[in-house]
Amino acid sequence: MKKIINRRASFDYQILEKFEAGIVLNGAEVKSVKNGHLKLEDAFIRLKDHEAWLFNAHIHPYSFASDLQDPCRARKLLLKKKELLKLKQE
């Protein structure tokens, strides 16, 4: 899958370190992201119970999906354990 980068973050914040993470999505969300319907403008990451979670990332609902979900729901990020420990220390 294509990398998704928040270009606006480099203008608003000083980037000290970069991490590459996977994200847990359901089937309809995958199709929507592949179609380019993802907004990271107000998104942020929070560590909770030794896991990284992405909040406020808006994924537009896929038009052909039968189930409707919250487009801004929290989504789990997939990072290596070493990276999670490093983030937790900071």
Foldseek 3Di string as FASTA:
>chain_A
DDDDDDPVCVVVHPDPDDDDWAWDDDDQLVVQVVVPQKACPPWDWDDDPLWIKIFQIFRPGRPPDPDDDDRGDIITIGDDSVVSVVVVVD
